[in-house]
């Protein structure tokens, strides 16, 4: 029983709503175009959650054994850092989670395409393998991309483009231009969450030799980059709504702009890492709300 709390902490459940945002968005646009499957939706959400948990465990393991998670770090204490979970236990959990991801991914692919779409089967098997690689190699291995300022690129691709466009493809069996701008906007907001995390950890990451984009930019320019990500996502979404306007419901997502604008004001005035940490949940949940309202706004009529 004592182990349950540290394992739940290691899984970082607060990151899960953000991880499924693209699935919700892609599903809503597919539903709008007349295609929906509850099996595909359920398996897509379970697969995405399992990948996110895998990524969180791998990040805990990678940063833990490298010593990046130390007393200088701001935010919740990681599992290995706390000593409540050993590196060996975490590594075993990672291996088990990989098996779960493989089973769920293959089940999702079969539910979406069956035995007749061989090329799509191959494509999504490849994407599934790529997702596992990305989840593991953010902080694990001899040359993790998260330590080479490449995390932002991977988050944009996997949380924005692949999540949204990929889920749409699962239903529609084709790619449609209608999902491109929403995928880009969601990708920018998701990168914003990572950048906020990295801004908070600039000092501890620098001392540990972890080179993130925020470390390269410095706090002042990292803030400017952050504003570009959030405002850019808002502008792209407004442009999308004008290009693809159907009815007033399409603008429901404007509700999510309120917490996003308040978030920008908070980050602008923030001077302490703890003030940045307090905004992580705000931005993650605002991004989830954004995806939910943008998607629902196109299926209400």
C-alpha atoms as a PDB file:
ATOM      1  CA  UNK A   1       0.000   0.000   0.000  1.00  0.00           C
ATOM      2  CA  UNK A   2       2.897   2.346   0.782  1.00  0.00           C
ATOM      3  CA  UNK A   3       4.134   1.909  -2.796  1.00  0.00           C
ATOM      4  CA  UNK A   4       0.908   3.085  -4.450  1.00  0.00           C
ATOM      5  CA  UNK A   5       1.425   6.795  -3.759  1.00  0.00           C
ATOM      6  CA  UNK A   6       4.989   7.010  -5.155  1.00  0.00           C
ATOM      7  CA  UNK A   7       3.980   5.030  -8.253  1.00  0.00           C
ATOM      8  CA  UNK A   8       1.027   7.331  -8.889  1.00  0.00           C
ATOM      9  CA  UNK A   9       3.358  10.283  -8.406  1.00  0.00           C
ATOM     10  CA  UNK A  10       5.858   8.772 -10.882  1.00  0.00           C
ATOM     11  CA  UNK A  11       3.077   8.337 -13.452  1.00  0.00           C
ATOM     12  CA  UNK A  12       2.387  12.095 -13.137  1.00  0.00           C
ATOM     13  CA  UNK A  13      -1.358  11.820 -13.661  1.00  0.00           C
ATOM     14  CA  UNK A  14      -1.705  15.580 -14.120  1.00  0.00           C
ATOM     15  CA  UNK A  15      -0.047  15.218 -17.550  1.00  0.00           C
ATOM     16  CA  UNK A  16      -2.686  12.800 -18.854  1.00  0.00           C
ATOM     17  CA  UNK A  17      -5.383  15.335 -19.904  1.00  0.00           C
ATOM     18  CA  UNK A  18      -2.831  17.121 -22.092  1.00  0.00           C
ATOM     19  CA  UNK A  19      -1.746  13.841 -23.700  1.00  0.00           C
ATOM     20  CA  UNK A  20      -5.279  12.976 -24.882  1.00  0.00           C
ATOM     21  CA  UNK A  21      -6.104  16.471 -26.173  1.00  0.00           C
ATOM     22  CA  UNK A  22      -5.087  15.606 -29.744  1.00  0.00           C
ATOM     23  CA  UNK A  23      -7.145  12.407 -29.660  1.00  0.00           C
ATOM     24  CA  UNK A  24     -10.227  14.362 -28.651  1.00  0.00           C
ATOM     25  CA  UNK A  25      -9.617  16.992 -31.312  1.00  0.00           C
ATOM     26  CA  UNK A  26      -9.017  14.488 -34.136  1.00  0.00           C
ATOM     27  CA  UNK A  27     -12.022  12.430 -33.069  1.00  0.00           C
ATOM     28  CA  UNK A  28     -14.342  15.445 -33.083  1.00  0.00           C
ATOM     29  CA  UNK A  29     -13.333  16.418 -36.616  1.00  0.00           C
ATOM     30  CA  UNK A  30     -13.775  12.827 -37.804  1.00  0.00           C
ATOM     31  CA  UNK A  31     -17.211  12.734 -36.154  1.00  0.00           C
ATOM     32  CA  UNK A  32     -18.106  15.995 -37.889  1.00  0.00           C
ATOM     33  CA  UNK A  33     -17.239  14.323 -41.204  1.00  0.00           C
ATOM     34  CA  UNK A  34     -19.419  11.302 -40.443  1.00  0.00           C
ATOM     35  CA  UNK A  35     -16.932   8.769 -39.054  1.00  0.00           C
ATOM     36  CA  UNK A  36     -16.767   7.577 -35.454  1.00  0.00           C
ATOM     37  CA  UNK A  37     -16.044   4.351 -33.580  1.00  0.00           C
ATOM     38  CA  UNK A  38     -16.270   4.042 -29.776  1.00  0.00           C
ATOM     39  CA  UNK A  39     -13.749   1.179 -29.951  1.00  0.00           C
ATOM     40  CA  UNK A  40     -11.211   3.315 -31.790  1.00  0.00           C
ATOM     41  CA  UNK A  41     -11.754   6.216 -29.390  1.00  0.00           C
ATOM     42  CA  UNK A  42     -11.375   4.021 -26.288  1.00  0.00           C
ATOM     43  CA  UNK A  43      -8.278   2.243 -27.558  1.00  0.00           C
ATOM     44  CA  UNK A  44      -6.726   5.485 -28.824  1.00  0.00           C
ATOM     45  CA  UNK A  45      -7.146   7.097 -25.394  1.00  0.00           C
ATOM     46  CA  UNK A  46      -5.788   4.033 -23.583  1.00  0.00           C
ATOM     47  CA  UNK A  47      -2.822   3.797 -25.961  1.00  0.00           C
ATOM     48  CA  UNK A  48      -2.021   7.485 -25.569  1.00  0.00           C
ATOM     49  CA  UNK A  49      -2.280   7.315 -21.784  1.00  0.00           C
ATOM     50  CA  UNK A  50      -0.014   4.260 -21.673  1.00  0.00           C
ATOM     51  CA  UNK A  51       2.543   6.075 -23.856  1.00  0.00           C
ATOM     52  CA  UNK A  52       2.391   9.141 -21.617  1.00  0.00           C
ATOM     53  CA  UNK A  53       2.861   7.033 -18.495  1.00  0.00           C
ATOM     54  CA  UNK A  54       5.771   5.269 -20.204  1.00  0.00           C
ATOM     55  CA  UNK A  55       7.316   8.645 -21.007  1.00  0.00           C
ATOM     56  CA  UNK A  56       6.848   9.864 -17.434  1.00  0.00           C
ATOM     57  CA  UNK A  57       8.427   6.734 -15.937  1.00  0.00           C
ATOM     58  CA  UNK A  58      11.302   6.894 -18.421  1.00  0.00           C
ATOM     59  CA  UNK A  59      11.868  10.581 -17.623  1.00  0.00           C
ATOM     60  CA  UNK A  60      11.936   9.815 -13.910  1.00  0.00           C
ATOM     61  CA  UNK A  61      14.424   7.007 -14.537  1.00  0.00           C
ATOM     62  CA  UNK A  62      16.636   8.963 -16.945  1.00  0.00           C
ATOM     63  CA  UNK A  63      16.819  12.141 -14.864  1.00  0.00           C
ATOM     64  CA  UNK A  64      17.096  10.090 -11.663  1.00  0.00           C
ATOM     65  CA  UNK A  65      20.126   8.033 -12.613  1.00  0.00           C
ATOM     66  CA  UNK A  66      21.830  11.026 -14.250  1.00  0.00           C
ATOM     67  CA  UNK A  67      21.406  13.085 -11.091  1.00  0.00           C
ATOM     68  CA  UNK A  68      19.398  15.800 -12.849  1.00  0.00           C
ATOM     69  CA  UNK A  69      16.617  15.414 -10.278  1.00  0.00           C
ATOM     70  CA  UNK A  70      18.291  16.798  -7.169  1.00  0.00           C
ATOM     71  CA  UNK A  71      17.646  19.180  -4.289  1.00  0.00           C
ATOM     72  CA  UNK A  72      18.026  22.199  -6.595  1.00  0.00           C
ATOM     73  CA  UNK A  73      15.022  21.172  -8.673  1.00  0.00           C
ATOM     74  CA  UNK A  74      11.740  23.052  -8.112  1.00  0.00           C
ATOM     75  CA  UNK A  75       8.437  21.184  -8.212  1.00  0.00           C
ATOM     76  CA  UNK A  76       7.223  17.802  -6.964  1.00  0.00           C
ATOM     77  CA  UNK A  77       9.952  15.379  -5.930  1.00  0.00           C
ATOM     78  CA  UNK A  78      10.449  12.548  -8.429  1.00  0.00           C
ATOM     79  CA  UNK A  79      10.147   8.903  -7.416  1.00  0.00           C
ATOM     80  CA  UNK A  80      13.780   7.835  -7.814  1.00  0.00           C
ATOM     81  CA  UNK A  81      14.986  11.132  -6.372  1.00  0.00           C
ATOM     82  CA  UNK A  82      12.910  10.488  -3.247  1.00  0.00           C
ATOM     83  CA  UNK A  83      14.297   6.962  -2.837  1.00  0.00           C
ATOM     84  CA  UNK A  84      10.812   5.470  -2.570  1.00  0.00           C
ATOM     85  CA  UNK A  85      11.283   3.631  -5.869  1.00  0.00           C
ATOM     86  CA  UNK A  86      14.641   2.154  -6.846  1.00  0.00           C
ATOM     87  CA  UNK A  87      16.103   2.469 -10.356  1.00  0.00           C
ATOM     88  CA  UNK A  88      15.751  -1.291 -10.834  1.00  0.00           C
ATOM     89  CA  UNK A  89      12.068  -1.185  -9.877  1.00  0.00           C
ATOM     90  CA  UNK A  90      11.494   1.711 -12.247  1.00  0.00           C
ATOM     91  CA  UNK A  91      13.273  -0.074 -15.092  1.00  0.00           C
ATOM     92  CA  UNK A  92      11.082  -3.161 -14.584  1.00  0.00           C
ATOM     93  CA  UNK A  93       7.980  -0.953 -14.653  1.00  0.00           C
ATOM     94  CA  UNK A  94       9.197   0.614 -17.904  1.00  0.00           C
ATOM     95  CA  UNK A  95       9.616  -2.807 -19.518  1.00  0.00           C
ATOM     96  CA  UNK A  96       6.138  -3.865 -18.374  1.00  0.00           C
ATOM     97  CA  UNK A  97       4.665  -0.629 -19.715  1.00  0.00           C
ATOM     98  CA  UNK A  98       6.281  -1.198 -23.105  1.00  0.00           C
ATOM     99  CA  UNK A  99       4.452  -4.534 -23.340  1.00  0.00           C
ATOM    100  CA  UNK A 100       1.169  -2.785 -22.464  1.00  0.00           C
ATOM    101  CA  UNK A 101       1.810  -0.135 -25.130  1.00  0.00           C
ATOM    102  CA  UNK A 102       2.505  -2.795 -27.784  1.00  0.00           C
ATOM    103  CA  UNK A 103      -0.695  -4.702 -26.974  1.00  0.00           C
ATOM    104  CA  UNK A 104      -2.844  -1.565 -26.979  1.00  0.00           C
ATOM    105  CA  UNK A 105      -1.229  -0.193 -30.153  1.00  0.00           C
ATOM    106  CA  UNK A 106      -1.806  -3.410 -32.101  1.00  0.00           C
ATOM    107  CA  UNK A 107      -5.388  -3.601 -30.817  1.00  0.00           C
ATOM    108  CA  UNK A 108      -6.007   0.004 -31.878  1.00  0.00           C
ATOM    109  CA  UNK A 109      -4.556  -0.570 -35.345  1.00  0.00           C
ATOM    110  CA  UNK A 110      -6.684  -3.673 -35.850  1.00  0.00           C
ATOM    111  CA  UNK A 111      -9.843  -1.897 -34.634  1.00  0.00           C
ATOM    112  CA  UNK A 112      -9.209   1.024 -36.980  1.00  0.00           C
ATOM    113  CA  UNK A 113      -8.099  -0.771 -40.150  1.00  0.00           C
ATOM    114  CA  UNK A 114      -8.823  -4.490 -39.850  1.00  0.00           C
ATOM    115  CA  UNK A 115      -6.922  -6.915 -42.087  1.00  0.00           C
ATOM    116  CA  UNK A 116      -7.542  -5.148 -45.401  1.00  0.00           C
ATOM    117  CA  UNK A 117      -5.528  -1.907 -45.096  1.00  0.00           C
ATOM    118  CA  UNK A 118      -2.025  -3.309 -45.084  1.00  0.00           C
ATOM    119  CA  UNK A 119      -0.239  -0.022 -45.796  1.00  0.00           C
ATOM    120  CA  UNK A 120      -2.038   1.747 -42.977  1.00  0.00           C
ATOM    121  CA  UNK A 121      -1.209  -1.191 -40.695  1.00  0.00           C
ATOM    122  CA  UNK A 122       2.477  -0.826 -41.518  1.00  0.00           C
ATOM    123  CA  UNK A 123       2.350   2.962 -41.134  1.00  0.00           C
ATOM    124  CA  UNK A 124       0.832   2.855 -37.659  1.00  0.00           C
ATOM    125  CA  UNK A 125       3.102   0.025 -36.504  1.00  0.00           C
ATOM    126  CA  UNK A 126       6.004   2.280 -37.502  1.00  0.00           C
ATOM    127  CA  UNK A 127       4.436   5.299 -35.764  1.00  0.00           C
ATOM    128  CA  UNK A 128       3.815   3.210 -32.670  1.00  0.00           C
ATOM    129  CA  UNK A 129       7.453   2.149 -32.581  1.00  0.00           C
ATOM    130  CA  UNK A 130       8.539   5.748 -33.112  1.00  0.00           C
ATOM    131  CA  UNK A 131       6.320   6.852 -30.224  1.00  0.00           C
ATOM    132  CA  UNK A 132       7.914   4.301 -27.895  1.00  0.00           C
ATOM    133  CA  UNK A 133      11.358   5.477 -28.991  1.00  0.00           C
ATOM    134  CA  UNK A 134      10.413   9.097 -28.315  1.00  0.00           C
ATOM    135  CA  UNK A 135       8.954   8.226 -24.902  1.00  0.00           C
ATOM    136  CA  UNK A 136      12.106   6.394 -23.828  1.00  0.00           C
ATOM    137  CA  UNK A 137      14.811   8.593 -25.279  1.00  0.00           C
ATOM    138  CA  UNK A 138      13.784  11.985 -23.935  1.00  0.00           C
ATOM    139  CA  UNK A 139      16.039  11.470 -20.914  1.00  0.00           C
ATOM    140  CA  UNK A 140      17.229   7.845 -21.161  1.00  0.00           C
ATOM    141  CA  UNK A 141      20.280   6.564 -23.016  1.00  0.00           C
ATOM    142  CA  UNK A 142      23.716   7.968 -23.736  1.00  0.00           C
ATOM    143  CA  UNK A 143      22.463  10.837 -25.896  1.00  0.00           C
ATOM    144  CA  UNK A 144      18.870  11.686 -24.919  1.00  0.00           C
ATOM    145  CA  UNK A 145      17.280  14.306 -27.142  1.00  0.00           C
ATOM    146  CA  UNK A 146      15.841  16.123 -24.128  1.00  0.00           C
ATOM    147  CA  UNK A 147      19.408  16.968 -23.129  1.00  0.00           C
ATOM    148  CA  UNK A 148      20.167  18.387 -26.592  1.00  0.00           C
ATOM    149  CA  UNK A 149      17.407  21.035 -26.775  1.00  0.00           C
ATOM    150  CA  UNK A 150      15.261  18.864 -29.062  1.00  0.00           C
ATOM    151  CA  UNK A 151      12.372  18.221 -26.687  1.00  0.00           C
ATOM    152  CA  UNK A 152      10.296  21.060 -28.138  1.00  0.00           C
ATOM    153  CA  UNK A 153      10.462  19.570 -31.637  1.00  0.00           C
ATOM    154  CA  UNK A 154       9.374  16.125 -30.466  1.00  0.00           C
ATOM    155  CA  UNK A 155       6.522  17.502 -28.341  1.00  0.00           C
ATOM    156  CA  UNK A 156       5.248  19.566 -31.271  1.00  0.00           C
ATOM    157  CA  UNK A 157       5.291  16.510 -33.543  1.00  0.00           C
ATOM    158  CA  UNK A 158       3.832  13.942 -31.146  1.00  0.00           C
ATOM    159  CA  UNK A 159       1.423  16.025 -29.030  1.00  0.00           C
ATOM    160  CA  UNK A 160       0.281  18.215 -31.899  1.00  0.00           C
ATOM    161  CA  UNK A 161       0.648  16.809 -35.403  1.00  0.00           C
ATOM    162  CA  UNK A 162       0.755  13.064 -34.827  1.00  0.00           C
ATOM    163  CA  UNK A 163      -1.848  13.014 -32.065  1.00  0.00           C
ATOM    164  CA  UNK A 164      -4.431  15.110 -33.925  1.00  0.00           C
ATOM    165  CA  UNK A 165      -3.811  14.117 -37.532  1.00  0.00           C
ATOM    166  CA  UNK A 166      -3.073  10.509 -36.571  1.00  0.00           C
ATOM    167  CA  UNK A 167      -6.318  10.080 -34.642  1.00  0.00           C
ATOM    168  CA  UNK A 168      -8.260  11.634 -37.520  1.00  0.00           C
ATOM    169  CA  UNK A 169      -6.601   9.171 -39.891  1.00  0.00           C
ATOM    170  CA  UNK A 170      -7.644   6.249 -37.697  1.00  0.00           C
ATOM    171  CA  UNK A 171     -11.288   7.056 -38.405  1.00  0.00           C
ATOM    172  CA  UNK A 172     -11.182   8.562 -41.875  1.00  0.00           C
ATOM    173  CA  UNK A 173      -8.385   6.504 -43.484  1.00  0.00           C
ATOM    174  CA  UNK A 174      -7.252   9.699 -45.181  1.00  0.00           C
ATOM    175  CA  UNK A 175      -5.620  13.002 -44.227  1.00  0.00           C
ATOM    176  CA  UNK A 176      -7.700  16.146 -44.572  1.00  0.00           C
ATOM    177  CA  UNK A 177      -6.411  19.727 -44.574  1.00  0.00           C
ATOM    178  CA  UNK A 178      -9.126  20.653 -42.059  1.00  0.00           C
ATOM    179  CA  UNK A 179      -7.100  19.187 -39.159  1.00  0.00           C
ATOM    180  CA  UNK A 180      -3.729  20.754 -40.001  1.00  0.00           C
ATOM    181  CA  UNK A 181      -4.146  24.190 -38.394  1.00  0.00           C
ATOM    182  CA  UNK A 182      -5.777  22.817 -35.199  1.00  0.00           C
ATOM    183  CA  UNK A 183      -2.938  20.281 -34.940  1.00  0.00           C
ATOM    184  CA  UNK A 184      -0.357  23.057 -35.253  1.00  0.00           C
ATOM    185  CA  UNK A 185      -2.127  25.195 -32.629  1.00  0.00           C
ATOM    186  CA  UNK A 186      -2.338  22.275 -30.201  1.00  0.00           C
ATOM    187  CA  UNK A 187       1.309  21.466 -30.844  1.00  0.00           C
ATOM    188  CA  UNK A 188       2.343  25.024 -29.982  1.00  0.00           C
ATOM    189  CA  UNK A 189       0.369  24.970 -26.718  1.00  0.00           C
ATOM    190  CA  UNK A 190       1.857  21.592 -25.807  1.00  0.00           C
ATOM    191  CA  UNK A 191       5.360  22.921 -26.448  1.00  0.00           C
ATOM    192  CA  UNK A 192       4.387  25.802 -24.185  1.00  0.00           C
ATOM    193  CA  UNK A 193       3.834  23.334 -21.333  1.00  0.00           C
ATOM    194  CA  UNK A 194       7.286  21.834 -21.881  1.00  0.00           C
ATOM    195  CA  UNK A 195       8.913  25.259 -22.169  1.00  0.00           C
ATOM    196  CA  UNK A 196       7.266  26.369 -18.934  1.00  0.00           C
ATOM    197  CA  UNK A 197       8.623  23.262 -17.209  1.00  0.00           C
ATOM    198  CA  UNK A 198      12.080  23.950 -18.652  1.00  0.00           C
ATOM    199  CA  UNK A 199      11.991  27.633 -17.659  1.00  0.00           C
ATOM    200  CA  UNK A 200      11.256  26.564 -14.101  1.00  0.00           C
ATOM    201  CA  UNK A 201      14.247  24.210 -14.145  1.00  0.00           C
ATOM    202  CA  UNK A 202      16.782  26.461 -15.938  1.00  0.00           C
ATOM    203  CA  UNK A 203      19.131  26.716 -12.973  1.00  0.00           C
ATOM    204  CA  UNK A 204      19.054  23.062 -11.911  1.00  0.00           C
ATOM    205  CA  UNK A 205      19.226  21.817 -15.521  1.00  0.00           C
ATOM    206  CA  UNK A 206      22.216  24.060 -16.238  1.00  0.00           C
ATOM    207  CA  UNK A 207      24.070  22.756 -13.187  1.00  0.00           C
ATOM    208  CA  UNK A 208      23.249  19.155 -14.149  1.00  0.00           C
ATOM    209  CA  UNK A 209      24.365  19.583 -17.762  1.00  0.00           C
ATOM    210  CA  UNK A 210      20.881  19.176 -19.209  1.00  0.00           C
ATOM    211  CA  UNK A 211      20.690  21.518 -22.194  1.00  0.00           C
ATOM    212  CA  UNK A 212      17.095  22.465 -22.962  1.00  0.00           C
ATOM    213  CA  UNK A 213      15.993  25.221 -25.307  1.00  0.00           C
ATOM    214  CA  UNK A 214      15.138  27.327 -22.257  1.00  0.00           C
ATOM    215  CA  UNK A 215      18.692  26.868 -20.958  1.00  0.00           C
ATOM    216  CA  UNK A 216      20.063  27.998 -24.330  1.00  0.00           C
ATOM    217  CA  UNK A 217      17.766  31.018 -24.513  1.00  0.00           C
ATOM    218  CA  UNK A 218      17.945  32.160 -20.921  1.00  0.00           C
ATOM    219  CA  UNK A 219      14.903  33.133 -18.869  1.00  0.00           C
ATOM    220  CA  UNK A 220      14.151  36.442 -20.592  1.00  0.00           C
ATOM    221  CA  UNK A 221      14.198  35.097 -24.158  1.00  0.00           C
ATOM    222  CA  UNK A 222      12.545  31.853 -23.052  1.00  0.00           C
ATOM    223  CA  UNK A 223       9.631  33.972 -21.834  1.00  0.00           C
ATOM    224  CA  UNK A 224       9.427  35.702 -25.217  1.00  0.00           C
ATOM    225  CA  UNK A 225       9.464  32.290 -26.884  1.00  0.00           C
ATOM    226  CA  UNK A 226       6.691  31.213 -24.520  1.00  0.00           C
ATOM    227  CA  UNK A 227       4.526  34.181 -25.479  1.00  0.00           C
ATOM    228  CA  UNK A 228       5.136  33.384 -29.146  1.00  0.00           C
ATOM    229  CA  UNK A 229       3.910  29.801 -28.604  1.00  0.00           C
ATOM    230  CA  UNK A 230       0.711  30.754 -26.764  1.00  0.00           C
ATOM    231  CA  UNK A 231      -0.202  33.790 -28.866  1.00  0.00           C
ATOM    232  CA  UNK A 232       0.758  31.943 -32.057  1.00  0.00           C
ATOM    233  CA  UNK A 233      -1.628  29.115 -31.170  1.00  0.00           C
ATOM    234  CA  UNK A 234      -4.425  31.603 -30.548  1.00  0.00           C
ATOM    235  CA  UNK A 235      -3.843  33.447 -33.834  1.00  0.00           C
ATOM    236  CA  UNK A 236      -3.670  30.211 -35.845  1.00  0.00           C
ATOM    237  CA  UNK A 237      -6.926  29.000 -34.284  1.00  0.00           C
ATOM    238  CA  UNK A 238      -8.682  32.267 -35.060  1.00  0.00           C
ATOM    239  CA  UNK A 239      -7.502  32.020 -38.660  1.00  0.00           C
ATOM    240  CA  UNK A 240      -8.733  28.424 -38.804  1.00  0.00           C
ATOM    241  CA  UNK A 241     -12.170  29.459 -37.527  1.00  0.00           C
ATOM    242  CA  UNK A 242     -12.463  32.127 -40.187  1.00  0.00           C
ATOM    243  CA  UNK A 243     -11.322  29.803 -42.983  1.00  0.00           C
ATOM    244  CA  UNK A 244     -13.620  26.955 -41.962  1.00  0.00           C
ATOM    245  CA  UNK A 245     -16.509  28.830 -40.358  1.00  0.00           C
ATOM    246  CA  UNK A 246     -19.789  26.921 -40.249  1.00  0.00           C
ATOM    247  CA  UNK A 247     -21.726  28.349 -37.311  1.00  0.00           C
ATOM    248  CA  UNK A 248     -21.203  30.386 -34.103  1.00  0.00           C
ATOM    249  CA  UNK A 249     -20.512  27.214 -32.075  1.00  0.00           C
ATOM    250  CA  UNK A 250     -17.173  27.057 -33.886  1.00  0.00           C
ATOM    251  CA  UNK A 251     -15.945  29.872 -31.631  1.00  0.00           C
ATOM    252  CA  UNK A 252     -16.648  28.071 -28.347  1.00  0.00           C
ATOM    253  CA  UNK A 253     -12.909  27.672 -27.836  1.00  0.00           C
ATOM    254  CA  UNK A 254     -12.637  31.430 -27.182  1.00  0.00           C
ATOM    255  CA  UNK A 255     -13.615  30.581 -23.594  1.00  0.00           C
ATOM    256  CA  UNK A 256     -10.234  28.866 -23.217  1.00  0.00           C
ATOM    257  CA  UNK A 257      -8.476  32.056 -24.297  1.00  0.00           C
ATOM    258  CA  UNK A 258      -9.413  33.679 -20.967  1.00  0.00           C
ATOM    259  CA  UNK A 259      -7.173  31.437 -18.807  1.00  0.00           C
ATOM    260  CA  UNK A 260      -4.497  31.514 -21.530  1.00  0.00           C
ATOM    261  CA  UNK A 261      -4.368  35.329 -21.491  1.00  0.00           C
ATOM    262  CA  UNK A 262      -4.300  35.343 -17.687  1.00  0.00           C
ATOM    263  CA  UNK A 263      -1.503  32.769 -17.880  1.00  0.00           C
ATOM    264  CA  UNK A 264       0.552  35.047 -20.141  1.00  0.00           C
ATOM    265  CA  UNK A 265       0.158  37.903 -17.661  1.00  0.00           C
ATOM    266  CA  UNK A 266       1.295  35.652 -14.796  1.00  0.00           C
ATOM    267  CA  UNK A 267       4.369  34.455 -16.701  1.00  0.00           C
ATOM    268  CA  UNK A 268       5.276  38.011 -17.687  1.00  0.00           C
ATOM    269  CA  UNK A 269       5.432  39.075 -14.031  1.00  0.00           C
ATOM    270  CA  UNK A 270       6.945  35.831 -12.685  1.00  0.00           C
ATOM    271  CA  UNK A 271      10.454  36.136 -11.253  1.00  0.00           C
ATOM    272  CA  UNK A 272      10.742  32.949  -9.168  1.00  0.00           C
ATOM    273  CA  UNK A 273      10.784  29.308 -10.363  1.00  0.00           C
ATOM    274  CA  UNK A 274       7.951  28.508  -7.945  1.00  0.00           C
ATOM    275  CA  UNK A 275       5.745  31.078  -9.724  1.00  0.00           C
ATOM    276  CA  UNK A 276       6.355  29.245 -12.990  1.00  0.00           C
ATOM    277  CA  UNK A 277       5.633  25.870 -11.405  1.00  0.00           C
ATOM    278  CA  UNK A 278       2.236  27.095 -10.228  1.00  0.00           C
ATOM    279  CA  UNK A 279       1.285  27.813 -13.840  1.00  0.00           C
ATOM    280  CA  UNK A 280       2.059  24.339 -15.213  1.00  0.00           C
ATOM    281  CA  UNK A 281      -1.313  22.887 -14.242  1.00  0.00           C
ATOM    282  CA  UNK A 282      -3.064  26.048 -15.456  1.00  0.00           C
ATOM    283  CA  UNK A 283      -1.542  25.818 -18.927  1.00  0.00           C
ATOM    284  CA  UNK A 284      -2.000  22.048 -19.246  1.00  0.00           C
ATOM    285  CA  UNK A 285      -5.682  22.203 -18.267  1.00  0.00           C
ATOM    286  CA  UNK A 286      -6.257  25.302 -20.422  1.00  0.00           C
ATOM    287  CA  UNK A 287      -4.819  23.399 -23.392  1.00  0.00           C
ATOM    288  CA  UNK A 288      -7.112  20.461 -22.681  1.00  0.00           C
ATOM    289  CA  UNK A 289     -10.088  22.843 -22.438  1.00  0.00           C
ATOM    290  CA  UNK A 290      -9.014  24.465 -25.700  1.00  0.00           C
ATOM    291  CA  UNK A 291      -8.957  21.112 -27.546  1.00  0.00           C
ATOM    292  CA  UNK A 292     -12.265  20.032 -26.018  1.00  0.00           C
ATOM    293  CA  UNK A 293     -14.134  23.229 -26.889  1.00  0.00           C
ATOM    294  CA  UNK A 294     -12.604  23.520 -30.361  1.00  0.00           C
ATOM    295  CA  UNK A 295     -13.631  19.946 -31.149  1.00  0.00           C
ATOM    296  CA  UNK A 296     -17.116  20.166 -29.630  1.00  0.00           C
ATOM    297  CA  UNK A 297     -17.680  23.461 -31.394  1.00  0.00           C
ATOM    298  CA  UNK A 298     -17.583  21.643 -34.707  1.00  0.00           C
ATOM    299  CA  UNK A 299     -19.932  18.799 -33.822  1.00  0.00           C
ATOM    300  CA  UNK A 300     -22.735  20.883 -32.314  1.00  0.00           C
ATOM    301  CA  UNK A 301     -25.351  21.816 -34.897  1.00  0.00           C
END
